[in-house]
Protein backbone atom coordinates (compact mmCIF):
# COMPACT_ATOMS: atom_id res chain seq x y z
CA MET A 1 -15.52 120.93 17.31
CA LEU A 2 -18.20 118.79 18.97
CA GLN A 3 -15.66 116.04 19.66
CA ALA A 4 -13.35 118.55 21.37
CA ARG A 5 -16.28 119.90 23.38
CA VAL A 6 -17.31 116.41 24.52
CA MET A 7 -13.73 115.51 25.45
CA LEU A 8 -13.36 118.70 27.48
CA THR A 9 -16.62 118.13 29.35
CA VAL A 10 -15.63 114.57 30.20
CA ALA A 11 -12.31 115.85 31.55
CA ILE A 12 -14.03 118.11 34.11
CA GLY A 13 -16.60 115.50 35.07
CA ILE A 14 -19.85 116.83 33.59
CA SER A 15 -21.48 115.87 30.32
CA LEU A 16 -22.41 118.30 27.56
CA ALA A 17 -26.07 117.31 27.99
CA SER A 18 -25.87 118.10 31.69
CA ALA A 19 -24.14 121.40 30.99
CA CYS A 20 -26.95 122.36 28.63
CA ALA A 21 -29.52 121.29 31.22
CA TYR A 22 -27.84 123.64 33.69
CA GLY A 23 -28.23 126.53 31.25
CA VAL A 24 -24.57 126.68 30.29
CA ALA A 25 -23.63 127.31 26.66
CA GLY A 26 -20.90 124.84 25.74
CA PRO A 27 -18.50 123.28 28.20
CA PRO A 28 -18.98 124.70 31.70
CA GLU A 29 -16.25 126.49 33.57
CA PRO A 30 -15.38 125.11 36.98
CA PRO A 31 -17.67 126.61 39.62
CA PRO A 32 -16.35 129.74 41.35
CA GLY A 33 -15.03 129.60 44.87
CA SER A 34 -12.81 127.03 46.47
CA TYR A 35 -13.09 123.38 47.31
CA SER A 36 -11.08 120.64 48.93
CA ALA A 37 -11.51 117.15 47.48
CA ALA A 38 -11.48 114.28 49.95
CA THR A 39 -12.64 110.75 50.58
CA PHE A 40 -15.37 110.45 53.19
CA GLN A 41 -16.73 107.48 55.13
CA ILE A 42 -20.50 106.97 55.12
CA ALA A 43 -21.68 104.58 57.81
CA ASP A 44 -25.01 102.91 58.42
CA ALA A 45 -26.07 100.00 60.60
CA ASP A 46 -24.68 97.41 58.16
CA GLU A 47 -21.52 98.82 56.62
CA THR A 48 -19.12 101.68 56.07
CA MET A 49 -18.18 102.81 52.57
CA SER A 50 -15.69 105.26 51.13
CA VAL A 51 -17.11 108.03 48.92
CA ASN A 52 -15.30 110.77 47.01
CA GLY A 53 -16.53 114.26 47.72
CA ALA A 54 -15.52 117.82 48.47
CA SER A 55 -15.79 120.49 51.11
CA ILE A 56 -16.93 123.60 49.25
CA SER A 57 -16.81 127.33 49.97
CA GLU A 58 -19.93 129.41 50.28
CA ASP A 59 -19.50 130.90 46.81
CA PHE A 60 -18.72 127.58 45.11
CA LEU A 61 -22.13 127.24 43.42
CA SER A 62 -23.60 130.69 44.01
CA THR A 63 -23.13 132.10 40.51
CA THR A 64 -24.17 129.01 38.56
CA LYS A 65 -27.69 128.14 37.47
CA LEU A 66 -27.22 124.74 39.03
CA ARG A 67 -30.00 123.70 41.40
CA PRO A 68 -30.52 120.46 43.29
CA MET A 69 -33.16 118.13 41.92
CA LEU A 70 -34.48 117.67 45.46
CA GLY A 71 -34.07 119.92 48.46
CA ARG A 72 -31.83 122.97 48.49
CA LEU A 73 -28.25 124.15 48.15
CA PHE A 74 -26.28 125.25 51.19
CA VAL A 75 -27.27 128.54 52.82
CA THR A 76 -25.10 130.94 54.85
CA GLU A 77 -26.09 129.31 58.16
CA ASP A 78 -24.71 125.97 56.92
CA TYR A 79 -21.20 127.49 56.86
CA GLN A 80 -21.33 128.79 60.41
CA ALA A 81 -19.78 126.75 63.22
CA ARG A 82 -23.00 126.77 65.21
CA GLY A 83 -25.08 125.60 62.25
CA THR A 84 -26.48 122.10 61.88
CA PRO A 85 -23.98 119.87 60.03
CA VAL A 86 -25.36 119.24 56.52
CA VAL A 87 -24.52 117.42 53.28
CA LEU A 88 -25.52 117.48 49.60
CA LEU A 89 -25.62 114.07 47.91
CA GLY A 90 -24.87 113.27 44.28
CA TYR A 91 -27.57 111.61 42.18
CA ASP A 92 -25.68 108.32 41.68
CA LEU A 93 -24.85 107.99 45.39
CA TRP A 94 -28.47 108.71 46.26
CA GLN A 95 -29.65 105.99 43.86
CA ARG A 96 -27.02 103.41 44.82
CA VAL A 97 -27.02 103.77 48.61
CA PHE A 98 -30.43 105.21 49.43
CA GLY A 99 -32.51 103.62 46.66
CA GLY A 100 -33.52 107.00 45.23
CA ALA A 101 -35.88 107.59 48.16
CA PRO A 102 -37.09 111.22 48.11
CA THR A 103 -37.46 111.00 51.88
CA ILE A 104 -33.65 111.16 52.21
CA VAL A 105 -33.88 114.97 52.28
CA GLY A 106 -34.11 115.90 55.95
CA ARG A 107 -32.74 112.55 57.09
CA VAL A 108 -29.61 112.37 59.26
CA ILE A 109 -26.75 110.20 58.02
CA GLN A 110 -23.28 109.56 59.46
CA ILE A 111 -20.28 110.88 57.51
CA ASP A 112 -16.81 110.56 59.03
CA ASN A 113 -18.33 109.78 62.44
CA ARG A 114 -20.41 112.95 62.41
CA GLN A 115 -24.18 113.17 62.06
CA ARG A 116 -25.21 115.32 59.06
CA THR A 117 -28.63 116.26 57.70
CA VAL A 118 -29.15 115.70 53.98
CA VAL A 119 -30.38 119.02 52.55
CA GLY A 120 -30.38 118.22 48.82
CA ILE A 121 -29.71 115.88 45.91
CA MET A 122 -27.63 117.26 43.05
CA PRO A 123 -28.76 116.65 39.45
CA LYS A 124 -27.78 113.52 37.55
CA GLY A 125 -24.42 114.03 35.87
CA PHE A 126 -23.06 116.68 38.24
CA SER A 127 -19.72 115.63 39.68
CA PHE A 128 -17.25 118.39 40.47
CA PRO A 129 -14.51 117.93 41.25
CA LYS A 130 -14.45 114.88 39.00
CA GLY A 131 -15.72 111.82 40.83
CA ALA A 132 -17.32 113.73 43.73
CA GLU A 133 -20.56 112.23 45.04
CA LEU A 134 -21.14 114.38 48.12
CA TRP A 135 -20.45 117.94 49.23
CA LEU A 136 -19.99 119.48 52.67
CA PRO A 137 -19.77 123.16 53.65
CA GLN A 138 -16.11 124.21 53.98
């Protein structure tokens, strides 16, 4: 049973330990809402890199107990056209590209030639859809 549970959690991109940390009993269900997986370009002064991510609907994470380890989740204003463009970063991306600096929250970075403010860092192990390392409002 445990082996099947572990295999299922690996298939959807989140570990059993992470699921338990999020307050989910057993393998988590995919978050509610809709998403569109894509590859994004993050640019800084030195280089441009491709990163897997997703544009997510407003209700994508709203019914889960998932919370960012730094900062906040998206709020209604983030989904409005007049709102400031924002992004949530995955833990591994934050560590690899930004050195795990807590000061990244509030900083503006360039994604697909558009300036976006980092509003939060998702917990270690969260990657939905599988392989996603950043999330944008849809």
